[in-house]
Amino acid sequence: MPYVFKSPRDLLTAVGQKFGPTDWLTVDQARIDKFAEATGDFQWIHVDTERAKTGPYGATIAHGFLTVSLAALFLPQLVDVQGISMGLNYGANKLRFPAVVKCGSRIRGVGEVIAAEDLGPGGIQATYRITIEIEGGDKPACVIDKLARYYAA
C-alpha cells in the first residue's frame, strides 16, 4: 500500500521519509523485447538469447533505460499524493546503474523523499530517490533521483 499524502504541501515535511518496498516484478524476455521494439535498441545482449548465453552475464539483460522506466511503475506503489489537479514528471537529477538486471530476475522499488520545495501558488516539487533492488543482489540495479511536480486542486 502506498503512503498517502493528503495534499502536495505534506511533502514539505516528509524529507527523509522512506517508503516501500513494492512487490517484486519479474523482468522477462517478453518485456525486454517489447522495450527493444519501442526504442529500436536491438543490441544482442538484450534480445539474442542464444548469443547472450555465452556473453558476459550468461543471459540477456534488461536495457538500463527499461530498468529506470520502471521507476514510473514503482512510484505510485510507494506514494499517493492526493488533492492535486495535476502531477508532472519533471525529470531526474542523478541516475546510476550499479548492477545489470538479468532476464528472469525479480526487482522491486524502495523510495525516499530527499527534497521538497514550494514552487509558489499551489505547486510543490518533490525529489524522490528510488532504488530498484534485485532479489538476491548485493547492489541495486538502478538509483534515480526523480523529480515530480504536483499542483493543488
Protein backbone atom coordinates (compact mmCIF):
# COMPACT_ATOMS: atom_id res chain seq x y z
CA MET A 1 0.00 0.00 0.00
CA PRO A 2 1.38 3.43 -0.87
CA TYR A 3 1.91 6.07 1.76
CA VAL A 4 -0.85 8.67 1.36
CA PHE A 5 -0.14 12.39 1.37
CA LYS A 6 -3.44 14.26 1.73
CA SER A 7 -2.03 17.26 -0.15
CA PRO A 8 1.15 18.16 -2.03
CA ARG A 9 2.13 20.53 0.82
CA ASP A 10 2.51 17.50 3.10
CA LEU A 11 5.62 16.61 1.10
CA LEU A 12 7.41 19.66 2.55
CA THR A 13 7.64 17.93 5.94
CA ALA A 14 8.39 14.46 4.54
CA VAL A 15 12.08 14.90 3.66
CA GLY A 16 13.95 11.85 4.92
CA GLN A 17 10.85 9.66 4.98
CA LYS A 18 11.30 6.22 3.40
CA PHE A 19 8.71 4.08 1.65
CA GLY A 20 8.38 0.51 0.45
CA PRO A 21 9.38 -1.89 -0.71
CA THR A 22 6.98 -2.54 -3.58
CA ASP A 23 6.01 -6.02 -4.68
CA TRP A 24 8.55 -7.95 -6.73
CA LEU A 25 8.34 -7.72 -10.53
CA THR A 26 9.86 -10.37 -12.80
CA VAL A 27 11.71 -8.91 -15.79
CA ASP A 28 11.11 -11.47 -18.52
CA GLN A 29 12.28 -11.65 -22.12
CA ALA A 30 8.90 -10.51 -23.43
CA ARG A 31 9.22 -7.20 -21.52
CA ILE A 32 12.82 -6.76 -22.73
CA ASP A 33 11.79 -7.46 -26.33
CA LYS A 34 8.88 -5.00 -26.15
CA PHE A 35 11.23 -2.31 -24.86
CA ALA A 36 13.68 -3.07 -27.70
CA GLU A 37 10.83 -2.77 -30.18
CA ALA A 38 9.65 0.54 -28.69
CA THR A 39 13.12 2.10 -28.67
CA GLY A 40 14.84 0.44 -31.62
CA ASP A 41 17.63 -0.81 -29.34
CA PHE A 42 18.19 -4.38 -30.53
CA GLN A 43 21.71 -4.88 -29.16
CA TRP A 44 22.35 -8.61 -28.90
CA ILE A 45 22.97 -8.52 -25.12
CA HIS A 46 19.27 -7.67 -24.74
CA VAL A 47 17.50 -9.67 -27.44
CA ASP A 48 19.67 -12.58 -28.67
CA THR A 49 19.09 -15.23 -26.02
CA GLU A 50 21.40 -17.81 -27.64
CA ARG A 51 24.35 -15.45 -28.09
CA ALA A 52 23.81 -13.96 -24.62
CA LYS A 53 24.24 -17.41 -23.02
CA THR A 54 27.94 -17.19 -23.94
CA GLY A 55 28.20 -13.47 -23.17
CA PRO A 56 29.47 -11.78 -20.02
CA TYR A 57 26.28 -12.35 -17.99
CA GLY A 58 25.21 -15.80 -19.21
CA ALA A 59 21.79 -14.46 -20.22
CA THR A 60 20.17 -11.45 -21.81
CA ILE A 61 19.92 -8.34 -19.67
CA ALA A 62 17.35 -5.58 -19.44
CA HIS A 63 18.17 -2.26 -21.03
CA GLY A 64 19.27 0.27 -18.43
CA PHE A 65 16.54 2.62 -19.58
CA LEU A 66 13.96 -0.16 -19.27
CA THR A 67 15.02 -0.55 -15.65
CA VAL A 68 14.83 3.19 -14.93
CA SER A 69 11.47 3.47 -16.70
CA LEU A 70 10.07 1.05 -14.13
CA ALA A 71 10.52 3.80 -11.52
CA ALA A 72 7.29 5.18 -13.05
CA LEU A 73 5.61 1.86 -12.20
CA PHE A 74 7.03 1.74 -8.68
CA LEU A 75 6.48 5.36 -7.56
CA PRO A 76 2.64 5.12 -7.36
CA GLN A 77 3.08 1.91 -5.36
CA LEU A 78 5.25 3.86 -2.90
CA VAL A 79 3.38 7.18 -2.53
CA ASP A 80 -0.06 8.57 -3.33
CA VAL A 81 -0.25 12.37 -3.40
CA GLN A 82 -3.90 13.39 -3.14
CA GLY A 83 -5.62 16.74 -3.54
CA ILE A 84 -3.90 17.53 -6.82
CA SER A 85 -5.19 18.83 -10.12
CA MET A 86 -2.11 17.57 -11.93
CA GLY A 87 1.18 15.79 -11.36
CA LEU A 88 4.16 16.01 -13.73
CA ASN A 89 7.32 14.01 -14.24
CA TYR A 90 9.87 16.82 -14.17
CA GLY A 91 12.95 14.70 -14.84
CA ALA A 92 15.86 13.45 -12.79
CA ASN A 93 18.90 14.92 -11.06
CA LYS A 94 21.03 11.80 -10.83
CA LEU A 95 20.89 8.32 -12.34
CA ARG A 96 23.16 5.30 -11.82
CA PHE A 97 23.09 1.63 -12.88
CA PRO A 98 25.29 -0.23 -10.34
CA ALA A 99 24.22 -3.74 -11.48
CA VAL A 100 22.59 -5.34 -14.53
CA VAL A 101 19.17 -6.98 -14.47
CA LYS A 102 19.43 -10.45 -15.97
CA CYS A 103 16.40 -11.81 -17.76
CA GLY A 104 14.21 -13.64 -15.25
CA SER A 105 15.38 -11.54 -12.29
CA ARG A 106 12.92 -10.07 -9.85
CA ILE A 107 13.18 -6.39 -8.98
CA ARG A 108 11.35 -4.02 -6.64
CA GLY A 109 11.43 -0.37 -5.69
CA VAL A 110 12.10 1.44 -2.45
CA GLY A 111 11.82 5.19 -2.12
CA GLU A 112 12.69 8.20 -0.03
CA VAL A 113 11.75 11.87 -0.23
CA ILE A 114 15.15 13.60 -0.37
CA ALA A 115 13.94 17.14 -1.10
CA ALA A 116 10.74 19.14 -1.40
CA GLU A 117 10.27 22.76 -2.35
CA ASP A 118 7.41 25.18 -2.64
CA LEU A 119 7.06 26.45 -6.22
CA GLY A 120 4.58 29.16 -5.38
CA PRO A 121 0.80 29.19 -5.65
CA GLY A 122 -0.29 25.57 -5.43
CA GLY A 123 2.92 23.97 -6.70
CA ILE A 124 5.29 21.60 -4.90
CA GLN A 125 8.34 19.87 -6.34
CA ALA A 126 9.44 16.63 -4.69
CA THR A 127 12.68 14.78 -5.29
CA TYR A 128 12.37 11.06 -4.67
CA ARG A 129 15.35 8.72 -4.52
CA ILE A 130 14.08 5.48 -5.98
CA THR A 131 16.32 2.47 -5.57
CA ILE A 132 15.49 -0.53 -7.72
CA GLU A 133 16.69 -3.65 -5.95
CA ILE A 134 17.44 -7.04 -7.49
CA GLU A 135 16.31 -10.04 -5.48
CA GLY A 136 19.42 -11.72 -4.05
CA GLY A 137 21.70 -8.98 -5.39
CA ASP A 138 24.29 -7.12 -3.37
CA LYS A 139 23.98 -3.95 -5.50
CA PRO A 140 20.88 -2.20 -6.79
CA ALA A 141 20.00 -2.24 -10.47
CA CYS A 142 19.27 1.46 -10.52
CA VAL A 143 19.26 4.51 -8.28
CA ILE A 144 17.44 7.58 -9.58
CA ASP A 145 16.72 10.96 -8.01
CA LYS A 146 13.38 11.56 -9.71
CA LEU A 147 11.67 14.96 -9.77
CA ALA A 148 7.90 15.25 -9.59
CA ARG A 149 5.79 18.38 -9.57
CA TYR A 150 2.33 18.50 -8.05
CA TYR A 151 -0.27 21.22 -8.38
CA ALA A 152 -3.03 21.53 -5.79
CA ALA A 153 -6.64 21.04 -6.84
